[in-house]
PDB file of N, CA and C in Angstrom:
ATOM      1  N   MET A   1      82.388  92.116  97.767  1.00  0.00           N
ATOM      2  CA  MET A   1      82.958  92.945  96.705  1.00  0.00           C
ATOM      3  C   MET A   1      82.549  94.403  96.889  1.00  0.00           C
ATOM      4  N   LYS A   2      81.279  94.608  97.230  1.00  0.00           N
ATOM      5  CA  LYS A   2      80.804  95.974  97.410  1.00  0.00           C
ATOM      6  C   LYS A   2      81.489  96.633  98.600  1.00  0.00           C
ATOM      7  N   SER A   3      81.722  95.868  99.670  1.00  0.00           N
ATOM      8  CA  SER A   3      82.381  96.449 100.840  1.00  0.00           C
ATOM      9  C   SER A   3      83.825  96.824 100.524  1.00  0.00           C
ATOM     10  N   THR A   4      84.475  96.060  99.661  1.00  0.00           N
ATOM     11  CA  THR A   4      85.843  96.395  99.265  1.00  0.00           C
ATOM     12  C   THR A   4      85.880  97.704  98.491  1.00  0.00           C
ATOM     13  N   LEU A   5      84.900  97.918  97.622  1.00  0.00           N
ATOM     14  CA  LEU A   5      84.829  99.181  96.888  1.00  0.00           C
ATOM     15  C   LEU A   5      84.566 100.348  97.824  1.00  0.00           C
ATOM     16  N   TYR A   6      83.702 100.133  98.816  1.00  0.00           N
ATOM     17  CA  TYR A   6      83.445 101.191  99.786  1.00  0.00           C
ATOM     18  C   TYR A   6      84.692 101.497 100.607  1.00  0.00           C
ATOM     19  N   MET A   7      85.454 100.466 100.960  1.00  0.00           N
ATOM     20  CA  MET A   7      86.695 100.680 101.702  1.00  0.00           C
ATOM     21  C   MET A   7      87.675 101.493 100.874  1.00  0.00           C
ATOM     22  N   LEU A   8      87.810 101.154  99.601  1.00  0.00           N
ATOM     23  CA  LEU A   8      88.732 101.881  98.725  1.00  0.00           C
ATOM     24  C   LEU A   8      88.274 103.319  98.531  1.00  0.00           C
ATOM     25  N   LEU A   9      86.982 103.514  98.331  1.00  0.00           N
ATOM     26  CA  LEU A   9      86.455 104.861  98.161  1.00  0.00           C
ATOM     27  C   LEU A   9      86.649 105.692  99.425  1.00  0.00           C
ATOM     28  N   GLY A  10      86.406 105.087 100.570  1.00  0.00           N
ATOM     29  CA  GLY A  10      86.612 105.794 101.831  1.00  0.00           C
ATOM     30  C   GLY A  10      88.066 106.173 102.036  1.00  0.00           C
ATOM     31  N   ALA A  11      88.974 105.278 101.674  1.00  0.00           N
ATOM     32  CA  ALA A  11      90.396 105.573 101.819  1.00  0.00           C
ATOM     33  C   ALA A  11      90.821 106.696 100.884  1.00  0.00           C
ATOM     34  N   ILE A  12      90.268 106.714  99.679  1.00  0.00           N
ATOM     35  CA  ILE A  12      90.613 107.781  98.727  1.00  0.00           C
ATOM     36  C   ILE A  12      90.087 109.124  99.230  1.00  0.00           C
ATOM     37  N   ILE A  13      88.868 109.133  99.762  1.00  0.00           N
ATOM     38  CA  ILE A  13      88.302 110.380 100.281  1.00  0.00           C
ATOM     39  C   ILE A  13      89.101 110.868 101.481  1.00  0.00           C
ATOM     40  N   LEU A  14      89.447 109.961 102.393  1.00  0.00           N
ATOM     41  CA  LEU A  14      90.241 110.356 103.556  1.00  0.00           C
ATOM     42  C   LEU A  14      91.616 110.848 103.144  1.00  0.00           C
ATOM     43  N   THR A  15      92.203 110.220 102.127  1.00  0.00           N
ATOM     44  CA  THR A  15      93.505 110.666 101.627  1.00  0.00           C
ATOM     45  C   THR A  15      93.402 112.063 101.047  1.00  0.00           C
ATOM     46  N   TYR A  16      92.330 112.328 100.317  1.00  0.00           N
ATOM     47  CA  TYR A  16      92.118 113.645  99.718  1.00  0.00           C
ATOM     48  C   TYR A  16      92.052 114.725 100.795  1.00  0.00           C
ATOM     49  N   PHE A  17      91.261 114.462 101.840  1.00  0.00           N
ATOM     50  CA  PHE A  17      91.144 115.459 102.897  1.00  0.00           C
ATOM     51  C   PHE A  17      92.427 115.571 103.711  1.00  0.00           C
ATOM     52  N   THR A  18      93.144 114.461 103.881  1.00  0.00           N
ATOM     53  CA  THR A  18      94.396 114.510 104.630  1.00  0.00           C
ATOM     54  C   THR A  18      95.431 115.345 103.901  1.00  0.00           C
ATOM     55  N   LEU A  19      95.475 115.233 102.571  1.00  0.00           N
ATOM     56  CA  LEU A  19      96.463 115.994 101.809  1.00  0.00           C
ATOM     57  C   LEU A  19      96.067 117.460 101.662  1.00  0.00           C
ATOM     58  N   ILE A  20      94.765 117.764 101.700  1.00  0.00           N
ATOM     59  CA  ILE A  20      94.337 119.165 101.635  1.00  0.00           C
ATOM     60  C   ILE A  20      94.639 119.863 102.960  1.00  0.00           C
ATOM     61  N   LEU A  21      94.346 119.189 104.063  1.00  0.00           N
ATOM     62  CA  LEU A  21      94.626 119.760 105.374  1.00  0.00           C
ATOM     63  C   LEU A  21      96.132 119.741 105.616  1.00  0.00           C
ATOM     64  N   PRO A  22      96.626 120.550 106.544  1.00  0.00           N
ATOM     65  CA  PRO A  22      98.085 120.622 106.747  1.00  0.00           C
ATOM     66  C   PRO A  22      98.695 119.405 107.429  1.00  0.00           C
ATOM     67  N   PHE A  23      97.927 118.311 107.594  1.00  0.00           N
ATOM     68  CA  PHE A  23      98.503 117.109 108.196  1.00  0.00           C
ATOM     69  C   PHE A  23      99.643 116.549 107.355  1.00  0.00           C
ATOM     70  N   SER A  24      99.511 116.661 106.039  1.00  0.00           N
ATOM     71  CA  SER A  24     100.536 116.094 105.161  1.00  0.00           C
ATOM     72  C   SER A  24     101.873 116.801 105.351  1.00  0.00           C
ATOM     73  N   LYS A  25     101.837 118.075 105.716  1.00  0.00           N
ATOM     74  CA  LYS A  25     103.088 118.783 105.976  1.00  0.00           C
ATOM     75  C   LYS A  25     103.713 118.303 107.284  1.00  0.00           C
ATOM     76  N   ILE A  26     102.849 117.953 108.242  1.00  0.00           N
ATOM     77  CA  ILE A  26     103.365 117.474 109.525  1.00  0.00           C
ATOM     78  C   ILE A  26     104.027 116.108 109.335  1.00  0.00           C
ATOM     79  N   TYR A  27     103.332 115.205 108.673  1.00  0.00           N
ATOM     80  CA  TYR A  27     103.874 113.861 108.488  1.00  0.00           C
ATOM     81  C   TYR A  27     104.921 113.810 107.392  1.00  0.00           C
ATOM     82  N   ASN A  28     104.892 114.790 106.480  1.00  0.00           N
ATOM     83  CA  ASN A  28     105.829 114.860 105.355  1.00  0.00           C
ATOM     84  C   ASN A  28     105.811 113.561 104.553  1.00  0.00           C
ATOM     85  N   SER A  29     104.610 113.104 104.242  1.00  0.00           N
ATOM     86  CA  SER A  29     104.473 111.851 103.512  1.00  0.00           C
ATOM     87  C   SER A  29     103.737 112.097 102.202  1.00  0.00           C
ATOM     88  N   GLY A  30     103.926 111.174 101.292  1.00  0.00           N
ATOM     89  CA  GLY A  30     103.324 111.301  99.975  1.00  0.00           C
ATOM     90  C   GLY A  30     101.945 110.692  99.896  1.00  0.00           C
ATOM     91  N   LEU A  31     101.405 110.694  98.698  1.00  0.00           N
ATOM     92  CA  LEU A  31     100.053 110.199  98.460  1.00  0.00           C
ATOM     93  C   LEU A  31      99.949 108.702  98.753  1.00  0.00           C
ATOM     94  N   PHE A  32     100.932 107.931  98.315  1.00  0.00           N
ATOM     95  CA  PHE A  32     100.852 106.481  98.473  1.00  0.00           C
ATOM     96  C   PHE A  32     100.892 106.076  99.944  1.00  0.00           C
ATOM     97  N   GLU A  33     101.736 106.751 100.735  1.00  0.00           N
ATOM     98  CA  GLU A  33     101.836 106.409 102.153  1.00  0.00           C
ATOM     99  C   GLU A  33     100.528 106.695 102.881  1.00  0.00           C
ATOM    100  N   VAL A  34      99.936 107.853 102.584  1.00  0.00           N
ATOM    101  CA  VAL A  34      98.685 108.219 103.249  1.00  0.00           C
ATOM    102  C   VAL A  34      97.564 107.285 102.828  1.00  0.00           C
ATOM    103  N   LEU A  35      97.497 106.974 101.537  1.00  0.00           N
ATOM    104  CA  LEU A  35      96.445 106.095 101.033  1.00  0.00           C
ATOM    105  C   LEU A  35      96.576 104.694 101.623  1.00  0.00           C
ATOM    106  N   SER A  36      97.791 104.167 101.674  1.00  0.00           N
ATOM    107  CA  SER A  36      97.976 102.830 102.236  1.00  0.00           C
ATOM    108  C   SER A  36      97.688 102.822 103.732  1.00  0.00           C
ATOM    109  N   PHE A  37      98.016 103.919 104.433  1.00  0.00           N
ATOM    110  CA  PHE A  37      97.698 104.013 105.861  1.00  0.00           C
ATOM    111  C   PHE A  37      96.193 103.926 106.092  1.00  0.00           C
ATOM    112  N   TRP A  38      95.414 104.697 105.333  1.00  0.00           N
ATOM    113  CA  TRP A  38      93.961 104.675 105.500  1.00  0.00           C
ATOM    114  C   TRP A  38      93.375 103.334 105.080  1.00  0.00           C
ATOM    115  N   LEU A  39      93.913 102.731 104.013  1.00  0.00           N
ATOM    116  CA  LEU A  39      93.411 101.422 103.579  1.00  0.00           C
ATOM    117  C   LEU A  39      93.620 100.369 104.654  1.00  0.00           C
ATOM    118  N   ILE A  40      94.814 100.350 105.244  1.00  0.00           N
ATOM    119  CA  ILE A  40      95.107  99.369 106.291  1.00  0.00           C
ATOM    120  C   ILE A  40      94.216  99.603 107.497  1.00  0.00           C
ATOM    121  N   LEU A  41      94.032 100.874 107.868  1.00  0.00           N
ATOM    122  CA  LEU A  41      93.201 101.198 109.021  1.00  0.00           C
ATOM    123  C   LEU A  41      91.754 100.771 108.796  1.00  0.00           C
ATOM    124  N   ILE A  42      91.198 101.081 107.628  1.00  0.00           N
ATOM    125  CA  ILE A  42      89.813 100.710 107.320  1.00  0.00           C
ATOM    126  C   ILE A  42      89.678  99.192 107.247  1.00  0.00           C
ATOM    127  N   PHE A  43      90.678  98.515 106.676  1.00  0.00           N
ATOM    128  CA  PHE A  43      90.619  97.059 106.580  1.00  0.00           C
ATOM    129  C   PHE A  43      90.621  96.414 107.959  1.00  0.00           C
ATOM    130  N   VAL A  44      91.469  96.912 108.852  1.00  0.00           N
ATOM    131  CA  VAL A  44      91.547  96.351 110.204  1.00  0.00           C
ATOM    132  C   VAL A  44      90.229  96.550 110.941  1.00  0.00           C
ATOM    133  N   PHE A  45      89.653  97.746 110.842  1.00  0.00           N
ATOM    134  CA  PHE A  45      88.391  97.999 111.529  1.00  0.00           C
ATOM    135  C   PHE A  45      87.261  97.155 110.952  1.00  0.00           C
ATOM    136  N   SER A  46      87.190  97.015 109.636  1.00  0.00           N
ATOM    137  CA  SER A  46      86.119  96.216 109.041  1.00  0.00           C
ATOM    138  C   SER A  46      86.319  94.735 109.343  1.00  0.00           C
ATOM    139  N   TYR A  47      87.572  94.277 109.406  1.00  0.00           N
ATOM    140  CA  TYR A  47      87.854  92.882 109.732  1.00  0.00           C
ATOM    141  C   TYR A  47      87.437  92.580 111.166  1.00  0.00           C
ATOM    142  N   ASN A  48      87.715  93.507 112.080  1.00  0.00           N
ATOM    143  CA  ASN A  48      87.309  93.319 113.472  1.00  0.00           C
ATOM    144  C   ASN A  48      85.796  93.330 113.611  1.00  0.00           C
ATOM    145  N   ASN A  49      85.113  94.190 112.877  1.00  0.00           N
ATOM    146  CA  ASN A  49      83.657  94.253 112.957  1.00  0.00           C
ATOM    147  C   ASN A  49      83.009  92.994 112.396  1.00  0.00           C
ATOM    148  N   LYS A  50      83.572  92.418 111.346  1.00  0.00           N
ATOM    149  CA  LYS A  50      83.010  91.190 110.774  1.00  0.00           C
ATOM    150  C   LYS A  50      83.178  90.018 111.729  1.00  0.00           C
ATOM    151  N   ASN A  51      84.257  89.993 112.488  1.00  0.00           N
ATOM    152  CA  ASN A  51      84.482  88.888 113.408  1.00  0.00           C
ATOM    153  C   ASN A  51      83.615  88.992 114.653  1.00  0.00           C
ATOM    154  N   HIS A  52      83.259  90.189 115.065  1.00  0.00           N
ATOM    155  CA  HIS A  52      82.491  90.356 116.291  1.00  0.00           C
ATOM    156  C   HIS A  52      81.000  90.170 116.075  1.00  0.00           C
ATOM    157  N   THR A  53      80.530  90.309 114.859  1.00  0.00           N
ATOM    158  CA  THR A  53      79.093  90.155 114.627  1.00  0.00           C
ATOM    159  C   THR A  53      78.753  88.739 114.248  1.00  0.00           C
TER     160      THR A  53
END
């Protein structure tokens, strides 16, 4: 449960910085797309790390 909260918090922080930086203008995407992208990315990396250890 705690790791899920950390994943969500990390995705929100990354989304915040992505939208502040001019990356959002390049991708021309909204808040939900960026947030879901970071959530999926963090989930995949954490899932791979749990399986390898």
